[in-house]
């Protein structure tokens, strides 16, 4: 996903919302071989998250243009991103 959209400026960032369980988050990231940046939420994101996983498509101005609840395939995410760019 990152490589496909790199020229359009797409970034993928994971947000860890449970600051009490960062070790478990690290284990999952390692086990799933996640290759994108993951940040520990300081409280600003968790108020917008109503389920896990929750995906936000954010434009260059920092505005949320799409919110997706639940998992999707890479093909489904590609279709959603293509509609947003």
Protein backbone atom coordinates (compact mmCIF):
# COMPACT_ATOMS: atom_id res chain seq x y z
CA UNK A 1 0.00 0.00 0.00
CA UNK A 2 2.76 2.43 0.95
CA UNK A 3 4.71 1.75 -2.24
CA UNK A 4 1.66 1.94 -4.51
CA UNK A 5 0.70 5.43 -3.32
CA UNK A 6 4.09 6.88 -2.35
CA UNK A 7 4.11 9.34 -5.27
CA UNK A 8 0.75 10.73 -4.14
CA UNK A 9 2.15 11.36 -0.66
CA UNK A 10 0.23 8.61 1.14
CA UNK A 11 1.49 7.72 4.61
CA UNK A 12 0.31 4.84 6.75
CA UNK A 13 0.45 5.36 10.50
CA UNK A 14 -0.85 3.06 13.22
CA UNK A 15 -2.15 4.50 16.47
CA UNK A 16 -1.80 2.50 19.69
CA UNK A 17 -4.70 3.67 21.84
CA UNK A 18 -4.15 1.51 24.91
CA UNK A 19 -1.20 3.17 26.62
CA UNK A 20 -1.46 0.63 29.47
CA UNK A 21 -0.62 -2.26 27.16
CA UNK A 22 2.23 -1.07 24.95
CA UNK A 23 4.19 -4.30 25.37
CA UNK A 24 1.31 -6.32 23.90
CA UNK A 25 1.09 -3.82 21.04
CA UNK A 26 4.81 -4.29 20.34
CA UNK A 27 4.33 -8.06 20.27
CA UNK A 28 1.47 -7.81 17.78
CA UNK A 29 3.42 -5.39 15.58
CA UNK A 30 6.39 -7.78 15.54
CA UNK A 31 4.26 -10.89 14.96
CA UNK A 32 2.35 -9.29 12.08
CA UNK A 33 5.59 -7.84 10.65
CA UNK A 34 4.03 -4.39 10.48
CA UNK A 35 6.26 -2.15 8.35
CA UNK A 36 4.67 1.23 8.99
CA UNK A 37 5.07 3.75 11.80
CA UNK A 38 3.01 3.21 14.95
CA UNK A 39 2.45 6.01 17.44
CA UNK A 40 1.24 5.93 21.03
CA UNK A 41 -1.96 7.97 21.34
CA UNK A 42 -1.80 10.93 23.68
CA UNK A 43 -5.59 11.00 23.95
CA UNK A 44 -6.36 13.04 20.84
CA UNK A 45 -7.24 10.05 18.66
CA UNK A 46 -8.99 7.75 21.11
CA UNK A 47 -11.95 10.11 21.39
CA UNK A 48 -12.62 9.57 17.65
CA UNK A 49 -12.24 5.80 17.70
CA UNK A 50 -15.41 3.80 18.31
CA UNK A 51 -14.13 0.35 17.26
CA UNK A 52 -10.92 -1.51 16.49
CA UNK A 53 -9.74 -1.51 13.82
CA UNK A 54 -10.69 2.02 12.84
CA UNK A 55 -9.15 3.58 9.73
CA UNK A 56 -9.07 7.27 8.91
CA UNK A 57 -8.20 8.74 5.53
CA UNK A 58 -6.78 12.17 6.30
CA UNK A 59 -6.08 14.77 3.61
CA UNK A 60 -3.06 17.06 3.32
CA UNK A 61 -4.82 19.66 5.48
CA UNK A 62 -5.32 17.21 8.34
CA UNK A 63 -9.05 16.78 7.75
CA UNK A 64 -10.62 13.34 8.07
CA UNK A 65 -12.21 12.66 4.68
CA UNK A 66 -13.16 9.03 5.33
CA UNK A 67 -13.65 6.93 8.46
CA UNK A 68 -13.78 3.15 8.11
CA UNK A 69 -14.78 0.80 10.91
CA UNK A 70 -13.66 -2.81 10.70
CA UNK A 71 -11.09 -4.59 8.60
CA UNK A 72 -10.83 -4.48 4.82
CA UNK A 73 -8.74 -6.24 2.21
CA UNK A 74 -5.91 -4.41 0.47
CA UNK A 75 -8.07 -4.28 -2.67
CA UNK A 76 -10.93 -2.67 -0.74
CA UNK A 77 -8.57 -0.11 0.83
CA UNK A 78 -7.15 0.66 -2.62
CA UNK A 79 -10.64 1.36 -3.97
CA UNK A 80 -11.42 3.66 -1.03
CA UNK A 81 -8.11 5.52 -1.36
CA UNK A 82 -8.57 5.89 -5.13
CA UNK A 83 -11.92 7.61 -4.47
CA UNK A 84 -10.29 10.01 -2.02
CA UNK A 85 -7.29 11.13 -4.11
